[in-house]
């Protein structure tokens, strides 16, 4: 409840659009969750021109114009060259001065470049609103193991049933 109270400057029941935008830790935690557990298996793009590429190990090649390129967000988000300690949940990696996501195409939670998801801001606002409300009104505790990803569908979800114990807070 502390982040909500400090973001809104009051303990009242309503949260405004501006309140939710003053929650950088919540926003960065969502970005970090998307980095570590992206919902899409792959992103595809057509090369509109030949693109020269050099790998981290010095290999060089050209993606020919017209070829279809695939990016795997689950792999990209765990690359040591893009993120320090990529297997550790660390929302502060997005905050100044680190801002590890500023390297072009390092964070693909909503796609990349000019073709990022148009609903990105709406999605962040929607989830932040829901999480803020839940955190304000309920005490929650994860009571199951963290689920493995289920790659059998178009959108990646959890295998099994993650379990959360919740209890309504006295407000």
N, C-alpha and C. Protein backbone atom coordinates (compact mmCIF):
# COMPACT_ATOMS: atom_id res chain seq x y z
N UNK A 1 0.83 -1.20 0.00
CA UNK A 1 0.00 0.00 0.00
C UNK A 1 0.87 1.26 0.00
N UNK A 2 2.10 1.17 0.49
CA UNK A 2 2.97 2.34 0.56
C UNK A 2 3.19 3.00 -0.79
N UNK A 3 3.50 2.23 -1.89
CA UNK A 3 3.70 2.91 -3.17
C UNK A 3 2.46 3.65 -3.65
N UNK A 4 1.27 3.09 -3.39
CA UNK A 4 0.05 3.76 -3.82
C UNK A 4 -0.14 5.05 -3.03
N UNK A 5 0.06 4.97 -1.73
CA UNK A 5 -0.11 6.16 -0.90
C UNK A 5 0.91 7.23 -1.28
N UNK A 6 2.16 6.83 -1.51
CA UNK A 6 3.17 7.83 -1.85
C UNK A 6 2.95 8.38 -3.26
N UNK A 7 2.41 7.58 -4.16
CA UNK A 7 2.17 8.07 -5.52
C UNK A 7 1.01 9.06 -5.54
N UNK A 8 -0.03 8.76 -4.75
CA UNK A 8 -1.19 9.63 -4.77
C UNK A 8 -1.08 10.77 -3.77
N UNK A 9 -0.19 10.62 -2.76
CA UNK A 9 -0.06 11.65 -1.75
C UNK A 9 -1.21 11.65 -0.77
N UNK A 10 -2.06 10.65 -0.85
CA UNK A 10 -3.22 10.55 0.03
C UNK A 10 -3.59 9.09 0.20
N UNK A 11 -4.44 8.81 1.15
CA UNK A 11 -4.84 7.44 1.42
C UNK A 11 -6.25 7.16 0.92
N UNK A 12 -6.84 8.06 0.16
CA UNK A 12 -8.22 7.89 -0.31
C UNK A 12 -8.38 6.70 -1.23
N UNK A 13 -9.62 6.31 -1.51
CA UNK A 13 -9.88 5.11 -2.30
C UNK A 13 -9.65 5.26 -3.81
N UNK A 14 -9.68 6.48 -4.33
CA UNK A 14 -9.55 6.65 -5.77
C UNK A 14 -8.10 6.85 -6.18
N UNK A 15 -7.76 6.23 -7.29
CA UNK A 15 -6.47 6.46 -7.92
C UNK A 15 -6.75 7.15 -9.24
N UNK A 16 -5.95 8.14 -9.56
CA UNK A 16 -6.14 8.84 -10.82
C UNK A 16 -5.10 8.37 -11.84
N UNK A 17 -5.29 8.78 -13.06
CA UNK A 17 -4.35 8.49 -14.14
C UNK A 17 -2.96 9.00 -13.75
N UNK A 18 -2.90 10.20 -13.20
CA UNK A 18 -1.60 10.77 -12.79
C UNK A 18 -0.97 9.97 -11.66
N UNK A 19 -1.80 9.48 -10.71
CA UNK A 19 -1.27 8.65 -9.61
C UNK A 19 -0.56 7.42 -10.17
N UNK A 20 -1.22 6.75 -11.09
CA UNK A 20 -0.67 5.51 -11.64
C UNK A 20 0.61 5.79 -12.44
N UNK A 21 0.69 6.94 -13.06
CA UNK A 21 1.91 7.30 -13.79
C UNK A 21 3.06 7.67 -12.86
N UNK A 22 2.79 7.84 -11.57
CA UNK A 22 3.85 8.14 -10.61
C UNK A 22 4.23 6.87 -9.83
N UNK A 23 4.24 5.74 -10.50
CA UNK A 23 4.62 4.47 -9.87
C UNK A 23 5.72 3.81 -10.69
N UNK A 24 6.91 4.39 -10.69
CA UNK A 24 7.97 3.84 -11.54
C UNK A 24 8.39 2.42 -11.15
N UNK A 25 8.36 2.09 -9.87
CA UNK A 25 8.77 0.73 -9.48
C UNK A 25 7.77 -0.29 -10.02
N UNK A 26 6.48 0.00 -9.96
CA UNK A 26 5.48 -0.91 -10.52
C UNK A 26 5.67 -1.03 -12.03
N UNK A 27 5.88 0.09 -12.71
CA UNK A 27 6.08 0.07 -14.16
C UNK A 27 7.32 -0.74 -14.53
N UNK A 28 8.41 -0.49 -13.81
CA UNK A 28 9.65 -1.21 -14.10
C UNK A 28 9.54 -2.68 -13.75
N UNK A 29 8.77 -3.01 -12.74
CA UNK A 29 8.55 -4.43 -12.39
C UNK A 29 7.78 -5.14 -13.49
N UNK A 30 6.83 -4.44 -14.09
CA UNK A 30 6.08 -5.03 -15.20
C UNK A 30 6.99 -5.23 -16.41
N UNK A 31 7.85 -4.27 -16.70
CA UNK A 31 8.79 -4.41 -17.82
C UNK A 31 9.73 -5.59 -17.58
N UNK A 32 10.16 -5.73 -16.33
CA UNK A 32 11.08 -6.82 -16.00
C UNK A 32 10.38 -8.17 -16.12
N UNK A 33 9.12 -8.25 -15.70
CA UNK A 33 8.35 -9.48 -15.86
C UNK A 33 8.19 -9.83 -17.35
N UNK A 34 7.94 -8.82 -18.18
CA UNK A 34 7.84 -9.05 -19.63
C UNK A 34 9.16 -9.47 -20.23
N UNK A 35 10.26 -8.92 -19.72
CA UNK A 35 11.58 -9.31 -20.23
C UNK A 35 11.86 -10.78 -19.91
N UNK A 36 11.57 -11.18 -18.70
CA UNK A 36 11.90 -12.54 -18.27
C UNK A 36 10.89 -13.57 -18.74
N UNK A 37 9.64 -13.15 -18.93
CA UNK A 37 8.57 -14.08 -19.30
C UNK A 37 7.69 -13.46 -20.38
N UNK A 38 8.25 -13.24 -21.58
CA UNK A 38 7.46 -12.59 -22.64
C UNK A 38 6.32 -13.49 -23.12
N UNK A 39 5.21 -12.88 -23.49
CA UNK A 39 4.05 -13.66 -23.91
C UNK A 39 4.14 -14.20 -25.34
N UNK A 40 5.04 -13.66 -26.15
CA UNK A 40 5.13 -14.10 -27.54
C UNK A 40 6.38 -14.95 -27.75
N UNK A 41 6.20 -16.04 -28.50
CA UNK A 41 7.31 -16.94 -28.78
C UNK A 41 8.28 -16.30 -29.76
N UNK A 42 7.73 -15.61 -30.75
CA UNK A 42 8.61 -15.00 -31.74
C UNK A 42 7.92 -13.78 -32.36
N UNK A 43 8.76 -12.93 -32.92
CA UNK A 43 8.30 -11.79 -33.69
C UNK A 43 8.92 -11.94 -35.07
N UNK A 44 8.15 -11.63 -36.11
CA UNK A 44 8.65 -11.77 -37.48
C UNK A 44 8.62 -10.41 -38.17
N UNK A 45 9.64 -10.15 -38.96
CA UNK A 45 9.71 -8.94 -39.77
C UNK A 45 10.35 -9.28 -41.10
N UNK A 46 9.94 -8.55 -42.14
CA UNK A 46 10.53 -8.71 -43.47
C UNK A 46 11.60 -7.65 -43.64
N UNK A 47 12.79 -8.07 -44.08
CA UNK A 47 13.88 -7.12 -44.33
C UNK A 47 13.53 -6.33 -45.59
N UNK A 48 13.36 -5.04 -45.44
CA UNK A 48 12.99 -4.18 -46.56
C UNK A 48 14.21 -3.74 -47.36
N UNK A 49 15.39 -4.01 -46.83
CA UNK A 49 16.66 -3.74 -47.52
C UNK A 49 17.68 -4.73 -46.95
N UNK A 50 18.78 -4.90 -47.64
CA UNK A 50 19.84 -5.77 -47.12
C UNK A 50 20.42 -5.13 -45.85
N UNK A 51 20.62 -5.96 -44.83
CA UNK A 51 21.10 -5.45 -43.54
C UNK A 51 22.37 -6.20 -43.16
N UNK A 52 23.45 -5.44 -42.96
CA UNK A 52 24.70 -6.04 -42.50
C UNK A 52 24.63 -6.19 -40.98
N UNK A 53 25.04 -7.37 -40.50
CA UNK A 53 24.98 -7.68 -39.07
C UNK A 53 26.33 -8.18 -38.62
N UNK A 54 26.76 -7.72 -37.42
CA UNK A 54 27.97 -8.24 -36.80
C UNK A 54 27.58 -8.79 -35.43
N UNK A 55 27.94 -10.02 -35.17
CA UNK A 55 27.62 -10.65 -33.89
C UNK A 55 28.58 -10.18 -32.80
N UNK A 56 28.21 -10.49 -31.55
CA UNK A 56 29.07 -10.15 -30.41
C UNK A 56 30.44 -10.81 -30.53
N UNK A 57 30.47 -11.98 -31.17
CA UNK A 57 31.75 -12.69 -31.29
C UNK A 57 32.53 -12.30 -32.55
N UNK A 58 32.03 -11.29 -33.29
CA UNK A 58 32.76 -10.79 -34.44
C UNK A 58 32.35 -11.38 -35.78
N UNK A 59 31.41 -12.31 -35.78
CA UNK A 59 30.93 -12.87 -37.04
C UNK A 59 30.17 -11.82 -37.84
N UNK A 60 30.31 -11.86 -39.17
CA UNK A 60 29.64 -10.89 -40.03
C UNK A 60 28.82 -11.62 -41.08
N UNK A 61 27.62 -11.12 -41.33
CA UNK A 61 26.79 -11.66 -42.40
C UNK A 61 25.79 -10.60 -42.84
N UNK A 62 25.08 -10.88 -43.92
CA UNK A 62 24.09 -9.94 -44.46
C UNK A 62 22.74 -10.64 -44.53
N UNK A 63 21.73 -9.97 -44.00
CA UNK A 63 20.35 -10.45 -44.16
C UNK A 63 19.87 -9.86 -45.49
N UNK A 64 19.58 -10.71 -46.48
CA UNK A 64 19.18 -10.19 -47.79
C UNK A 64 17.81 -9.51 -47.76
N UNK A 65 17.65 -8.51 -48.61
CA UNK A 65 16.37 -7.84 -48.77
C UNK A 65 15.31 -8.89 -49.11
N UNK A 66 14.16 -8.79 -48.45
CA UNK A 66 13.05 -9.71 -48.71
C UNK A 66 13.01 -10.91 -47.78
N UNK A 67 14.10 -11.21 -47.09
CA UNK A 67 14.08 -12.34 -46.14
C UNK A 67 13.22 -12.01 -44.94
N UNK A 68 12.65 -13.05 -44.35
CA UNK A 68 11.88 -12.91 -43.12
C UNK A 68 12.81 -13.19 -41.95
N UNK A 69 12.83 -12.28 -41.00
CA UNK A 69 13.68 -12.43 -39.81
C UNK A 69 12.80 -12.75 -38.61
N UNK A 70 13.31 -13.58 -37.74
CA UNK A 70 12.60 -13.95 -36.52
C UNK A 70 13.40 -13.47 -35.32
N UNK A 71 12.71 -12.94 -34.33
CA UNK A 71 13.33 -12.59 -33.05
C UNK A 71 12.60 -13.37 -31.97
N UNK A 72 13.33 -13.90 -31.04
CA UNK A 72 12.76 -14.65 -29.93
C UNK A 72 12.92 -13.82 -28.65
N UNK A 73 11.85 -13.12 -28.20
CA UNK A 73 11.97 -12.28 -27.02
C UNK A 73 12.47 -13.02 -25.78
N UNK A 74 12.13 -14.30 -25.63
CA UNK A 74 12.58 -15.05 -24.45
C UNK A 74 14.09 -15.25 -24.46
N UNK A 75 14.67 -15.29 -25.65
CA UNK A 75 16.13 -15.41 -25.75
C UNK A 75 16.76 -14.03 -25.61
N UNK A 76 16.24 -13.06 -26.35
CA UNK A 76 16.79 -11.70 -26.33
C UNK A 76 16.84 -11.14 -24.92
N UNK A 77 15.79 -11.36 -24.14
CA UNK A 77 15.72 -10.81 -22.79
C UNK A 77 16.71 -11.43 -21.82
N UNK A 78 17.34 -12.53 -22.21
CA UNK A 78 18.30 -13.20 -21.32
C UNK A 78 19.74 -13.09 -21.83
N UNK A 79 19.98 -12.23 -22.82
CA UNK A 79 21.33 -12.09 -23.35
C UNK A 79 22.21 -11.26 -22.42
N UNK A 80 23.35 -11.81 -22.06
CA UNK A 80 24.31 -11.15 -21.18
C UNK A 80 24.79 -9.83 -21.77
N UNK A 81 24.88 -9.76 -23.09
CA UNK A 81 25.34 -8.53 -23.73
C UNK A 81 24.35 -7.39 -23.64
N UNK A 82 23.08 -7.70 -23.38
CA UNK A 82 22.05 -6.67 -23.27
C UNK A 82 21.71 -6.35 -21.82
N UNK A 83 21.72 -7.37 -20.96
CA UNK A 83 21.28 -7.18 -19.58
C UNK A 83 22.28 -7.79 -18.61
N UNK A 84 22.68 -7.01 -17.62
CA UNK A 84 23.56 -7.50 -16.58
C UNK A 84 22.78 -8.48 -15.70
N UNK A 85 23.36 -9.63 -15.41
CA UNK A 85 22.69 -10.68 -14.64
C UNK A 85 21.27 -10.92 -15.17
N UNK A 86 21.16 -11.39 -16.41
CA UNK A 86 19.86 -11.49 -17.06
C UNK A 86 18.88 -12.48 -16.44
N UNK A 87 19.34 -13.41 -15.62
CA UNK A 87 18.43 -14.38 -15.01
C UNK A 87 17.91 -13.92 -13.65
N UNK A 88 18.27 -12.71 -13.25
CA UNK A 88 17.83 -12.17 -11.96
C UNK A 88 16.74 -11.13 -12.19
N UNK A 89 15.65 -11.21 -11.42
CA UNK A 89 14.58 -10.21 -11.48
C UNK A 89 15.09 -8.94 -10.82
N UNK A 90 15.21 -7.88 -11.61
CA UNK A 90 15.79 -6.63 -11.12
C UNK A 90 15.13 -5.44 -11.81
N UNK A 91 14.00 -4.96 -11.28
CA UNK A 91 13.31 -3.83 -11.92
C UNK A 91 14.15 -2.55 -11.98
N UNK A 92 15.15 -2.43 -11.12
CA UNK A 92 15.97 -1.22 -11.12
C UNK A 92 16.85 -1.11 -12.37
N UNK A 93 16.94 -2.18 -13.16
CA UNK A 93 17.75 -2.11 -14.38
C UNK A 93 17.17 -1.10 -15.38
N UNK A 94 15.89 -0.71 -15.21
CA UNK A 94 15.25 0.25 -16.12
C UNK A 94 15.33 1.68 -15.62
N UNK A 95 15.74 1.86 -14.37
CA UNK A 95 15.78 3.20 -13.78
C UNK A 95 17.12 3.88 -14.04
N UNK A 96 17.13 5.21 -14.03
CA UNK A 96 18.40 5.91 -14.13
C UNK A 96 19.29 5.54 -12.94
N UNK A 97 20.58 5.45 -13.10
CA UNK A 97 21.35 5.75 -14.31
C UNK A 97 21.54 4.53 -15.20
N UNK A 98 21.09 3.34 -14.79
CA UNK A 98 21.39 2.11 -15.54
C UNK A 98 20.68 2.07 -16.89
N UNK A 99 19.39 2.12 -16.90
CA UNK A 99 18.57 2.13 -18.12
C UNK A 99 19.05 1.13 -19.17
N UNK A 100 19.17 -0.13 -18.76
CA UNK A 100 19.70 -1.18 -19.64
C UNK A 100 18.83 -1.41 -20.87
N UNK A 101 17.57 -1.04 -20.81
CA UNK A 101 16.64 -1.24 -21.93
C UNK A 101 16.84 -0.23 -23.06
N UNK A 102 17.69 0.78 -22.86
CA UNK A 102 17.89 1.82 -23.87
C UNK A 102 18.71 1.35 -25.07
N UNK A 103 19.39 0.22 -24.94
CA UNK A 103 20.12 -0.34 -26.08
C UNK A 103 19.06 -0.76 -27.10
N UNK A 104 19.15 -0.30 -28.36
CA UNK A 104 18.11 -0.62 -29.34
C UNK A 104 17.81 -2.13 -29.42
N UNK A 105 16.53 -2.45 -29.35
CA UNK A 105 15.99 -3.80 -29.49
C UNK A 105 16.42 -4.75 -28.37
N UNK A 106 16.89 -4.22 -27.25
CA UNK A 106 17.25 -5.11 -26.14
C UNK A 106 15.99 -5.59 -25.42
N UNK A 107 14.97 -4.75 -25.35
CA UNK A 107 13.73 -5.12 -24.65
C UNK A 107 12.63 -5.26 -25.69
N UNK A 108 12.11 -6.48 -25.84
CA UNK A 108 11.10 -6.75 -26.87
C UNK A 108 9.74 -7.14 -26.28
N UNK A 109 9.44 -6.69 -25.07
CA UNK A 109 8.18 -7.06 -24.42
C UNK A 109 6.94 -6.74 -25.25
N UNK A 110 6.97 -5.63 -25.97
CA UNK A 110 5.86 -5.24 -26.84
C UNK A 110 6.34 -5.08 -28.28
N UNK A 111 7.34 -5.83 -28.68
CA UNK A 111 7.90 -5.71 -30.01
C UNK A 111 9.00 -4.67 -30.00
N UNK A 112 9.44 -4.24 -31.18
CA UNK A 112 10.54 -3.29 -31.23
C UNK A 112 10.44 -2.37 -32.42
N UNK A 113 11.18 -1.29 -32.34
CA UNK A 113 11.24 -0.33 -33.45
C UNK A 113 9.92 0.35 -33.69
N UNK A 114 9.69 0.71 -34.96
CA UNK A 114 8.46 1.45 -35.29
C UNK A 114 7.22 0.54 -35.27
N UNK A 115 7.42 -0.75 -35.14
CA UNK A 115 6.29 -1.68 -35.14
C UNK A 115 5.96 -2.21 -33.75
N UNK A 116 6.29 -1.44 -32.71
CA UNK A 116 5.90 -1.85 -31.36
C UNK A 116 4.38 -1.88 -31.27
N UNK A 117 3.89 -2.65 -30.34
CA UNK A 117 2.44 -2.78 -30.14
C UNK A 117 1.83 -1.41 -29.85
N UNK A 118 0.78 -1.07 -30.59
CA UNK A 118 0.10 0.21 -30.40
C UNK A 118 -0.61 0.27 -29.05
N UNK A 119 -0.94 -0.89 -28.49
CA UNK A 119 -1.67 -0.92 -27.23
C UNK A 119 -0.77 -0.97 -26.01
N UNK A 120 0.54 -0.76 -26.20
CA UNK A 120 1.49 -0.89 -25.10
C UNK A 120 1.13 0.00 -23.91
N UNK A 121 0.90 1.28 -24.14
CA UNK A 121 0.58 2.20 -23.03
C UNK A 121 -0.73 1.83 -22.36
N UNK A 122 -1.73 1.44 -23.16
CA UNK A 122 -3.00 1.02 -22.59
C UNK A 122 -2.81 -0.24 -21.75
N UNK A 123 -2.02 -1.20 -22.25
CA UNK A 123 -1.77 -2.43 -21.51
C UNK A 123 -1.09 -2.16 -20.18
N UNK A 124 -0.07 -1.31 -20.18
CA UNK A 124 0.60 -0.95 -18.93
C UNK A 124 -0.37 -0.30 -17.96
N UNK A 125 -1.16 0.64 -18.46
CA UNK A 125 -2.10 1.36 -17.59
C UNK A 125 -3.16 0.41 -17.01
N UNK A 126 -3.66 -0.49 -17.84
CA UNK A 126 -4.67 -1.43 -17.40
C UNK A 126 -4.12 -2.35 -16.30
N UNK A 127 -2.96 -2.93 -16.53
CA UNK A 127 -2.40 -3.86 -15.54
C UNK A 127 -1.99 -3.11 -14.27
N UNK A 128 -1.42 -1.91 -14.40
CA UNK A 128 -1.06 -1.14 -13.21
C UNK A 128 -2.30 -0.79 -12.40
N UNK A 129 -3.40 -0.48 -13.06
CA UNK A 129 -4.65 -0.17 -12.35
C UNK A 129 -5.14 -1.39 -11.57
N UNK A 130 -5.13 -2.54 -12.22
CA UNK A 130 -5.60 -3.77 -11.58
C UNK A 130 -4.68 -4.16 -10.42
N UNK A 131 -3.37 -4.15 -10.65
CA UNK A 131 -2.43 -4.51 -9.58
C UNK A 131 -2.50 -3.53 -8.41
N UNK A 132 -2.65 -2.24 -8.71
CA UNK A 132 -2.77 -1.25 -7.64
C UNK A 132 -4.00 -1.52 -6.79
N UNK A 133 -5.12 -1.82 -7.44
CA UNK A 133 -6.35 -2.09 -6.70
C UNK A 133 -6.20 -3.37 -5.86
N UNK A 134 -5.67 -4.43 -6.47
CA UNK A 134 -5.49 -5.68 -5.73
C UNK A 134 -4.55 -5.49 -4.54
N UNK A 135 -3.41 -4.83 -4.75
CA UNK A 135 -2.46 -4.62 -3.67
C UNK A 135 -3.01 -3.73 -2.57
N UNK A 136 -3.90 -2.85 -2.92
CA UNK A 136 -4.51 -1.97 -1.92
C UNK A 136 -5.54 -2.70 -1.08
N UNK A 137 -6.23 -3.67 -1.66
CA UNK A 137 -7.36 -4.29 -0.98
C UNK A 137 -7.10 -5.71 -0.47
N UNK A 138 -5.99 -6.33 -0.91
CA UNK A 138 -5.75 -7.72 -0.52
C UNK A 138 -4.31 -7.95 -0.10
N UNK A 139 -4.13 -8.83 0.87
CA UNK A 139 -2.82 -9.38 1.19
C UNK A 139 -2.71 -10.64 0.35
N UNK A 140 -1.64 -10.78 -0.39
CA UNK A 140 -1.50 -11.94 -1.28
C UNK A 140 -0.18 -12.64 -1.01
N UNK A 141 -0.23 -13.96 -1.17
CA UNK A 141 0.96 -14.78 -0.96
C UNK A 141 0.96 -15.90 -1.99
N UNK A 142 2.06 -16.06 -2.70
CA UNK A 142 2.18 -17.16 -3.65
C UNK A 142 2.39 -18.44 -2.85
N UNK A 143 1.56 -19.44 -3.12
CA UNK A 143 1.64 -20.69 -2.36
C UNK A 143 1.95 -21.90 -3.24
N UNK A 144 2.43 -21.64 -4.44
CA UNK A 144 2.85 -22.72 -5.33
C UNK A 144 4.21 -22.37 -5.91
N UNK A 145 4.82 -23.33 -6.54
CA UNK A 145 6.08 -23.06 -7.24
C UNK A 145 5.80 -22.13 -8.41
N UNK A 146 6.82 -21.35 -8.79
CA UNK A 146 6.67 -20.50 -9.96
C UNK A 146 6.50 -21.41 -11.18
N UNK A 147 5.47 -21.20 -11.99
CA UNK A 147 5.20 -22.11 -13.10
C UNK A 147 6.20 -22.00 -14.25
N UNK A 148 6.40 -23.10 -14.92
CA UNK A 148 7.20 -23.12 -16.15
C UNK A 148 6.35 -22.54 -17.27
N UNK A 149 6.97 -21.96 -18.30
CA UNK A 149 6.19 -21.43 -19.42
C UNK A 149 5.61 -22.56 -20.27
N UNK A 150 4.43 -22.33 -20.78
CA UNK A 150 3.76 -23.28 -21.67
C UNK A 150 3.83 -22.72 -23.09
N UNK A 151 4.69 -23.32 -23.90
CA UNK A 151 4.90 -22.84 -25.28
C UNK A 151 4.00 -23.52 -26.30
N UNK A 152 2.94 -24.20 -25.87
CA UNK A 152 2.10 -24.94 -26.80
C UNK A 152 1.04 -24.06 -27.48
N UNK A 153 0.87 -22.83 -27.05
CA UNK A 153 -0.13 -21.94 -27.66
C UNK A 153 0.58 -20.75 -28.30
N UNK A 154 -0.16 -19.96 -29.03
CA UNK A 154 0.41 -18.80 -29.71
C UNK A 154 0.94 -17.78 -28.70
N UNK A 155 0.21 -17.61 -27.60
CA UNK A 155 0.64 -16.72 -26.53
C UNK A 155 1.09 -17.59 -25.37
N UNK A 156 2.28 -17.33 -24.87
CA UNK A 156 2.87 -18.13 -23.80
C UNK A 156 2.15 -17.85 -22.49
N UNK A 157 1.76 -18.91 -21.82
CA UNK A 157 1.13 -18.79 -20.50
C UNK A 157 1.82 -19.72 -19.53
N UNK A 158 1.31 -19.80 -18.32
CA UNK A 158 1.93 -20.70 -17.34
C UNK A 158 1.44 -22.13 -17.49
N UNK A 159 2.34 -23.10 -17.24
CA UNK A 159 1.93 -24.50 -17.15
C UNK A 159 1.33 -24.72 -15.77
N UNK A 160 0.32 -25.53 -15.70
CA UNK A 160 -0.29 -25.82 -14.40
C UNK A 160 -1.12 -24.67 -13.89
N UNK A 161 -1.30 -24.65 -12.58
CA UNK A 161 -2.14 -23.62 -11.96
C UNK A 161 -1.36 -22.92 -10.86
N UNK A 162 -0.81 -21.75 -11.15
CA UNK A 162 -0.15 -21.00 -10.08
C UNK A 162 -1.19 -20.64 -9.01
N UNK A 163 -0.83 -20.83 -7.77
CA UNK A 163 -1.78 -20.62 -6.68
C UNK A 163 -1.35 -19.43 -5.82
N UNK A 164 -2.36 -18.59 -5.49
CA UNK A 164 -2.14 -17.43 -4.65
C UNK A 164 -3.18 -17.46 -3.52
N UNK A 165 -2.69 -17.28 -2.30
CA UNK A 165 -3.59 -17.16 -1.15
C UNK A 165 -3.84 -15.67 -0.97
N UNK A 166 -5.09 -15.29 -0.78
CA UNK A 166 -5.39 -13.88 -0.61
C UNK A 166 -6.36 -13.67 0.55
N UNK A 167 -6.23 -12.51 1.19
CA UNK A 167 -7.07 -12.15 2.31
C UNK A 167 -7.37 -10.66 2.19
N UNK A 168 -8.63 -10.31 2.30
CA UNK A 168 -9.04 -8.91 2.18
C UNK A 168 -8.48 -8.09 3.33
N UNK A 169 -7.90 -6.94 3.00
CA UNK A 169 -7.37 -6.04 4.02
C UNK A 169 -8.50 -5.23 4.64
N UNK A 170 -8.35 -4.87 5.88
CA UNK A 170 -9.29 -3.94 6.51
C UNK A 170 -8.88 -2.54 6.08
N UNK A 171 -9.74 -1.87 5.34
CA UNK A 171 -9.40 -0.54 4.82
C UNK A 171 -10.15 0.53 5.56
